[in-house]
């Protein structure tokens, strides 16, 4: 693709972003709904994944507009991506601490 059109190098590949993000979000939502009545196995990890991938994919999908490539924006949109990444890491740490304390079981 880049050989035929050099301008694509400066744009995000929207198909790749949408396809992988949508699959991750759908799988996470299915896992979350399947565990609603049962024990909350990997619940914080699932919530964190949904939040981070949704936010990140929306930023990248709108990345080809001037919204992301503006040199001097009023608010830098990448701050939101960093903020949601930090929240995702905190939820992973919470899940890890819970697993180390209680263990992971099928109950």
N, C-alpha and C. Protein backbone atom coordinates (compact mmCIF):
# COMPACT_ATOMS: atom_id res chain seq x y z
N UNK A 1 0.82 -1.20 0.00
CA UNK A 1 0.00 0.00 0.00
C UNK A 1 0.87 1.26 0.00
N UNK A 2 1.95 1.21 0.77
CA UNK A 2 2.79 2.40 0.88
C UNK A 2 3.63 2.64 -0.38
N UNK A 3 3.90 1.59 -1.13
CA UNK A 3 4.67 1.75 -2.37
C UNK A 3 3.83 2.49 -3.40
N UNK A 4 2.55 2.16 -3.50
CA UNK A 4 1.69 2.78 -4.50
C UNK A 4 1.26 4.19 -4.12
N UNK A 5 1.12 4.45 -2.83
CA UNK A 5 0.68 5.77 -2.38
C UNK A 5 1.51 6.16 -1.16
N UNK A 6 2.48 7.04 -1.37
CA UNK A 6 3.38 7.45 -0.28
C UNK A 6 2.68 8.29 0.79
N UNK A 7 1.56 8.88 0.47
CA UNK A 7 0.85 9.71 1.44
C UNK A 7 0.24 8.88 2.57
N UNK A 8 0.04 7.60 2.34
CA UNK A 8 -0.52 6.74 3.38
C UNK A 8 0.42 6.58 4.58
N UNK A 9 1.69 6.88 4.38
CA UNK A 9 2.65 6.78 5.47
C UNK A 9 2.32 7.75 6.59
N UNK A 10 1.69 8.86 6.28
CA UNK A 10 1.36 9.89 7.27
C UNK A 10 -0.07 9.78 7.79
N UNK A 11 -0.71 8.65 7.55
CA UNK A 11 -2.07 8.43 8.03
C UNK A 11 -2.13 7.11 8.80
N UNK A 12 -3.10 7.04 9.70
CA UNK A 12 -3.32 5.79 10.44
C UNK A 12 -4.11 4.83 9.56
N UNK A 13 -3.83 3.55 9.69
CA UNK A 13 -4.55 2.52 8.95
C UNK A 13 -5.87 2.25 9.69
N UNK A 14 -6.94 2.83 9.20
CA UNK A 14 -8.22 2.78 9.90
C UNK A 14 -8.82 1.39 9.94
N UNK A 15 -8.63 0.60 8.90
CA UNK A 15 -9.18 -0.76 8.89
C UNK A 15 -8.54 -1.62 9.98
N UNK A 16 -7.24 -1.54 10.11
CA UNK A 16 -6.54 -2.33 11.12
C UNK A 16 -6.96 -1.91 12.52
N UNK A 17 -7.06 -0.63 12.75
CA UNK A 17 -7.45 -0.13 14.07
C UNK A 17 -8.87 -0.57 14.41
N UNK A 18 -9.79 -0.40 13.47
CA UNK A 18 -11.18 -0.74 13.73
C UNK A 18 -11.38 -2.24 13.90
N UNK A 19 -10.72 -3.03 13.08
CA UNK A 19 -10.94 -4.48 13.16
C UNK A 19 -10.38 -5.09 14.44
N UNK A 20 -9.15 -4.75 14.79
CA UNK A 20 -8.58 -5.35 16.01
C UNK A 20 -9.23 -4.80 17.26
N UNK A 21 -9.52 -3.52 17.29
CA UNK A 21 -10.14 -2.93 18.47
C UNK A 21 -11.56 -3.45 18.67
N UNK A 22 -12.28 -3.57 17.59
CA UNK A 22 -13.67 -4.06 17.71
C UNK A 22 -13.70 -5.49 18.21
N UNK A 23 -12.80 -6.32 17.72
CA UNK A 23 -12.75 -7.70 18.19
C UNK A 23 -12.39 -7.78 19.67
N UNK A 24 -11.43 -6.99 20.11
CA UNK A 24 -11.06 -6.98 21.52
C UNK A 24 -12.19 -6.50 22.41
N UNK A 25 -12.88 -5.46 21.98
CA UNK A 25 -13.98 -4.91 22.78
C UNK A 25 -15.14 -5.89 22.83
N UNK A 26 -15.49 -6.48 21.71
CA UNK A 26 -16.59 -7.45 21.68
C UNK A 26 -16.28 -8.65 22.56
N UNK A 27 -15.07 -9.18 22.45
CA UNK A 27 -14.69 -10.32 23.27
C UNK A 27 -14.71 -9.96 24.76
N UNK A 28 -14.24 -8.78 25.11
CA UNK A 28 -14.25 -8.34 26.51
C UNK A 28 -15.67 -8.17 27.02
N UNK A 29 -16.55 -7.61 26.20
CA UNK A 29 -17.95 -7.44 26.62
C UNK A 29 -18.64 -8.80 26.80
N UNK A 30 -18.35 -9.74 25.91
CA UNK A 30 -18.92 -11.08 26.05
C UNK A 30 -18.44 -11.73 27.34
N UNK A 31 -17.14 -11.60 27.63
CA UNK A 31 -16.60 -12.16 28.87
C UNK A 31 -17.22 -11.50 30.09
N UNK A 32 -17.40 -10.19 30.03
CA UNK A 32 -17.98 -9.48 31.17
C UNK A 32 -19.43 -9.89 31.39
N UNK A 33 -20.21 -10.02 30.34
CA UNK A 33 -21.61 -10.42 30.49
C UNK A 33 -21.75 -11.87 30.93
N UNK A 34 -20.81 -12.73 30.52
CA UNK A 34 -20.86 -14.12 30.94
C UNK A 34 -20.53 -14.30 32.42
N UNK A 35 -19.79 -13.37 33.00
CA UNK A 35 -19.41 -13.49 34.40
C UNK A 35 -20.25 -12.61 35.33
N UNK A 36 -21.34 -12.04 34.85
CA UNK A 36 -22.13 -11.15 35.71
C UNK A 36 -22.78 -11.89 36.87
N UNK A 37 -23.32 -13.06 36.65
CA UNK A 37 -23.98 -13.79 37.72
C UNK A 37 -23.05 -14.67 38.52
N UNK A 38 -21.81 -14.80 38.08
CA UNK A 38 -20.85 -15.70 38.72
C UNK A 38 -19.80 -14.88 39.47
N UNK A 39 -18.73 -15.55 39.86
CA UNK A 39 -17.63 -14.83 40.51
C UNK A 39 -16.96 -13.92 39.48
N UNK A 40 -16.49 -12.82 39.94
CA UNK A 40 -15.92 -11.81 39.05
C UNK A 40 -14.46 -12.12 38.75
N UNK A 41 -14.24 -13.19 37.98
CA UNK A 41 -12.89 -13.59 37.62
C UNK A 41 -12.37 -12.66 36.52
N UNK A 42 -11.26 -12.01 36.78
CA UNK A 42 -10.61 -11.07 35.85
C UNK A 42 -11.53 -9.91 35.47
N UNK A 43 -12.34 -9.44 36.41
CA UNK A 43 -13.33 -8.40 36.11
C UNK A 43 -12.66 -7.05 35.90
N UNK A 44 -11.71 -6.67 36.80
CA UNK A 44 -11.04 -5.38 36.65
C UNK A 44 -10.20 -5.33 35.38
N UNK A 45 -9.59 -6.43 35.05
CA UNK A 45 -8.81 -6.50 33.82
C UNK A 45 -9.70 -6.29 32.60
N UNK A 46 -10.88 -6.87 32.62
CA UNK A 46 -11.82 -6.74 31.50
C UNK A 46 -12.33 -5.31 31.38
N UNK A 47 -12.69 -4.71 32.50
CA UNK A 47 -13.16 -3.31 32.48
C UNK A 47 -12.06 -2.39 31.99
N UNK A 48 -10.84 -2.59 32.47
CA UNK A 48 -9.72 -1.77 32.03
C UNK A 48 -9.43 -1.91 30.56
N UNK A 49 -9.52 -3.14 30.06
CA UNK A 49 -9.28 -3.38 28.64
C UNK A 49 -10.34 -2.68 27.79
N UNK A 50 -11.58 -2.77 28.20
CA UNK A 50 -12.66 -2.12 27.45
C UNK A 50 -12.45 -0.61 27.42
N UNK A 51 -12.17 -0.01 28.57
CA UNK A 51 -11.98 1.44 28.62
C UNK A 51 -10.79 1.89 27.80
N UNK A 52 -9.66 1.23 27.98
CA UNK A 52 -8.46 1.68 27.29
C UNK A 52 -8.54 1.47 25.78
N UNK A 53 -8.98 0.31 25.35
CA UNK A 53 -9.03 0.03 23.90
C UNK A 53 -10.07 0.92 23.23
N UNK A 54 -11.19 1.15 23.89
CA UNK A 54 -12.21 2.03 23.31
C UNK A 54 -11.69 3.46 23.16
N UNK A 55 -11.08 3.99 24.21
CA UNK A 55 -10.54 5.35 24.15
C UNK A 55 -9.41 5.45 23.13
N UNK A 56 -8.49 4.50 23.17
CA UNK A 56 -7.36 4.53 22.27
C UNK A 56 -7.79 4.38 20.81
N UNK A 57 -8.72 3.48 20.55
CA UNK A 57 -9.15 3.29 19.17
C UNK A 57 -9.90 4.50 18.65
N UNK A 58 -10.68 5.16 19.48
CA UNK A 58 -11.36 6.38 19.03
C UNK A 58 -10.36 7.49 18.71
N UNK A 59 -9.33 7.61 19.52
CA UNK A 59 -8.30 8.62 19.23
C UNK A 59 -7.59 8.31 17.92
N UNK A 60 -7.24 7.05 17.71
CA UNK A 60 -6.55 6.68 16.48
C UNK A 60 -7.48 6.75 15.27
N UNK A 61 -8.76 6.43 15.44
CA UNK A 61 -9.68 6.52 14.30
C UNK A 61 -9.89 7.95 13.86
N UNK A 62 -9.91 8.88 14.81
CA UNK A 62 -10.03 10.29 14.46
C UNK A 62 -8.67 10.93 14.22
N UNK A 63 -7.61 10.11 14.24
CA UNK A 63 -6.26 10.62 14.10
C UNK A 63 -5.93 11.18 12.74
N UNK A 64 -6.62 10.76 11.72
CA UNK A 64 -6.34 11.28 10.38
C UNK A 64 -6.89 12.68 10.18
N UNK A 65 -7.76 13.12 11.06
CA UNK A 65 -8.25 14.49 10.98
C UNK A 65 -7.24 15.42 11.62
N UNK A 66 -7.45 16.68 11.49
CA UNK A 66 -6.54 17.67 12.05
C UNK A 66 -6.54 17.67 13.57
N UNK A 67 -7.46 16.93 14.15
CA UNK A 67 -7.60 16.87 15.60
C UNK A 67 -6.33 16.39 16.28
N UNK A 68 -5.64 15.42 15.69
CA UNK A 68 -4.46 14.84 16.33
C UNK A 68 -3.18 15.48 15.81
N UNK A 69 -3.14 15.87 14.56
CA UNK A 69 -1.90 16.38 13.98
C UNK A 69 -1.77 17.90 14.04
N UNK A 70 -2.56 18.57 14.83
CA UNK A 70 -2.43 20.01 15.01
C UNK A 70 -1.16 20.28 15.81
N UNK A 71 -0.39 21.28 15.39
CA UNK A 71 0.88 21.55 16.07
C UNK A 71 0.68 22.19 17.44
N UNK A 72 -0.27 23.09 17.58
CA UNK A 72 -0.47 23.79 18.85
C UNK A 72 -1.95 23.71 19.24
N UNK A 73 -2.41 22.55 19.72
CA UNK A 73 -3.83 22.42 20.06
C UNK A 73 -4.16 23.07 21.40
N UNK A 74 -5.44 23.33 21.58
CA UNK A 74 -5.90 23.88 22.86
C UNK A 74 -5.73 22.83 23.96
N UNK A 75 -6.15 21.61 23.70
CA UNK A 75 -5.94 20.47 24.60
C UNK A 75 -5.35 19.35 23.76
N UNK A 76 -4.24 18.80 24.22
CA UNK A 76 -3.61 17.71 23.49
C UNK A 76 -4.43 16.43 23.71
N UNK A 77 -4.92 15.86 22.63
CA UNK A 77 -5.80 14.70 22.71
C UNK A 77 -5.06 13.46 23.22
N UNK A 78 -3.74 13.42 23.09
CA UNK A 78 -2.97 12.26 23.53
C UNK A 78 -2.91 12.18 25.05
N UNK A 79 -3.22 13.25 25.74
CA UNK A 79 -3.27 13.22 27.21
C UNK A 79 -4.37 12.26 27.66
N UNK A 80 -5.48 12.22 26.94
CA UNK A 80 -6.56 11.30 27.28
C UNK A 80 -6.12 9.85 27.11
N UNK A 81 -5.35 9.58 26.06
CA UNK A 81 -4.84 8.23 25.85
C UNK A 81 -3.91 7.84 27.00
N UNK A 82 -3.04 8.74 27.42
CA UNK A 82 -2.14 8.47 28.53
C UNK A 82 -2.90 8.28 29.83
N UNK A 83 -3.92 9.09 30.05
CA UNK A 83 -4.72 8.97 31.26
C UNK A 83 -5.43 7.62 31.33
N UNK A 84 -6.04 7.20 30.23
CA UNK A 84 -6.72 5.91 30.22
C UNK A 84 -5.72 4.75 30.30
N UNK A 85 -4.50 4.93 29.81
CA UNK A 85 -3.48 3.90 29.96
C UNK A 85 -3.08 3.75 31.43
N UNK A 86 -2.96 4.85 32.13
CA UNK A 86 -2.63 4.80 33.56
C UNK A 86 -3.76 4.13 34.34
N UNK A 87 -5.00 4.44 34.01
CA UNK A 87 -6.14 3.79 34.67
C UNK A 87 -6.13 2.29 34.37
N UNK A 88 -5.82 1.92 33.14
CA UNK A 88 -5.74 0.50 32.75
C UNK A 88 -4.66 -0.22 33.56
N UNK A 89 -3.51 0.42 33.72
CA UNK A 89 -2.43 -0.19 34.49
C UNK A 89 -2.81 -0.32 35.97
N UNK A 90 -3.54 0.65 36.50
CA UNK A 90 -4.00 0.56 37.89
C UNK A 90 -4.98 -0.59 38.07
N UNK A 91 -5.86 -0.81 37.11
CA UNK A 91 -6.80 -1.92 37.19
C UNK A 91 -6.08 -3.27 37.04
N UNK A 92 -5.06 -3.33 36.21
CA UNK A 92 -4.26 -4.55 36.11
C UNK A 92 -3.57 -4.83 37.44
N UNK A 93 -3.03 -3.81 38.08
CA UNK A 93 -2.37 -3.98 39.37
C UNK A 93 -3.37 -4.45 40.43
N UNK A 94 -4.57 -3.89 40.43
CA UNK A 94 -5.60 -4.30 41.37
C UNK A 94 -5.96 -5.77 41.17
N UNK A 95 -6.10 -6.19 39.92
CA UNK A 95 -6.41 -7.59 39.61
C UNK A 95 -5.26 -8.50 40.02
N UNK A 96 -4.03 -8.08 39.76
CA UNK A 96 -2.86 -8.88 40.13
C UNK A 96 -2.77 -9.05 41.64
N UNK A 97 -3.03 -7.96 42.37
CA UNK A 97 -2.99 -8.03 43.83
C UNK A 97 -4.06 -8.97 44.37
N UNK A 98 -5.25 -8.94 43.78
CA UNK A 98 -6.33 -9.82 44.19
C UNK A 98 -5.99 -11.29 43.90
N UNK A 99 -5.42 -11.55 42.73
CA UNK A 99 -5.05 -12.93 42.37
C UNK A 99 -3.95 -13.44 43.30
N UNK A 100 -2.99 -12.61 43.63
CA UNK A 100 -1.93 -13.05 44.54
C UNK A 100 -2.45 -13.32 45.94
N UNK A 101 -3.45 -12.58 46.35
CA UNK A 101 -3.99 -12.76 47.70
C UNK A 101 -4.94 -13.95 47.78
N UNK A 102 -5.83 -14.11 46.80
CA UNK A 102 -6.87 -15.14 46.86
C UNK A 102 -6.65 -16.31 45.91
N UNK A 103 -5.84 -16.11 44.91
CA UNK A 103 -5.68 -17.14 43.88
C UNK A 103 -6.81 -17.05 42.87
N UNK A 104 -6.64 -17.70 41.76
CA UNK A 104 -7.68 -17.69 40.73
C UNK A 104 -8.29 -19.10 40.69
N UNK A 105 -9.59 -19.14 40.79
CA UNK A 105 -10.26 -20.44 40.79
C UNK A 105 -11.47 -20.38 39.88
N UNK A 106 -12.05 -21.52 39.60
CA UNK A 106 -13.20 -21.61 38.71
C UNK A 106 -14.52 -21.46 39.43
N UNK A 107 -14.50 -21.21 40.72
CA UNK A 107 -15.74 -21.11 41.50
C UNK A 107 -16.44 -19.81 41.26
